[in-house]
Amino acid sequence: MSELEYVNLSVEHAEALEELELSVFSTIDPADLYDASELERLAQVFPEGNFVVLDDGRPIGMGLGILVEFDFDHAEHSLADVAGEDGVSNHDISHRWYYGTDISVYPEYRGRGIGRRLYELRKDCVRRLNKRGIVAGGVLPGYADHINDMSADEYIDKVVAGEMHDPTLSFQLNNGFVALGALPGYLEDPTVGNNSVLIVWHNPDYQP
C-alpha cells in the first residue's frame, strides 16, 4: 500500500475534490455539495481547519468544515442554512463551534483508518483554536434500506442502541460523537427521505 499524506486544503485541490464529492455522494443533489469555486474560497479563508488526504499527490479523501455559532435550542436546519450560499459565507474565526460540512473518502481507500484520522485532525484543530466542539449533520446511508419500515428518528435510536449498524453513524458514535436526532430536509437525497442526523462532539479541553 502507498503511504498517504495529510495536508491542509489548498486551492490546487479544488477540482479533484469536487470530483470526489460527486462520486462518493452520487445520490445527493449536486447543489448541496461543494463545487470547485466554493472549495477554492474555503481554502482561502480557513485552510487550517480543512484537511485533504493525498495518495502520490492525488486527493482521495477530505474532511471539511467552517466555524459557526450554533443554537442547540433551535437545532433544526439544512446544510445551506449553516454553510451559506457559497458554502463559507457564515464562517468566522471568532465563532465557537466547528461545523463539519463534508467528510468523504473514495471507496477503494476505506478500511485504512482515513476517516478516523480526519476526525482526529478536526478535533486537534478544535482544541488548538479553543472551540467548544464539533457539530454536523451526518449522512445516514443505511437508512435507505429501512425508509419504508421506520422513521429516521426510530432508525437513529436503533443504531445508537446497537441494534442496527449504519456505515456512517456507527463510525461517528465510535469516535465520540453523540446523536441528537434526525434533521429532516437537511439535504436533497431521496434515498433517505432527505434526512440526516444531528451529531455533536464536545471539546473536553475547552476553556471559556
Foldseek 3Di string as FASTA:
>chain_A
DFDKDKAFQALVQQQLVLVQCCVFPVLFDSQLPAHSVLSNVQCVPPRQQKMFMDGVRHTFWIWDWAAAAADPVPHADAQCVQLPNSRPPRHDLPHAETETSDTGGPPVPPPPCPRVVNVVSNLVSCLVSLHFWYKYFAAFVVLLVCLVPDAQQVVLVCCVVVNDPTPTPVVVVVSAKDWDGKHALRGDRVSNNNITTMIIHGNPNHDD
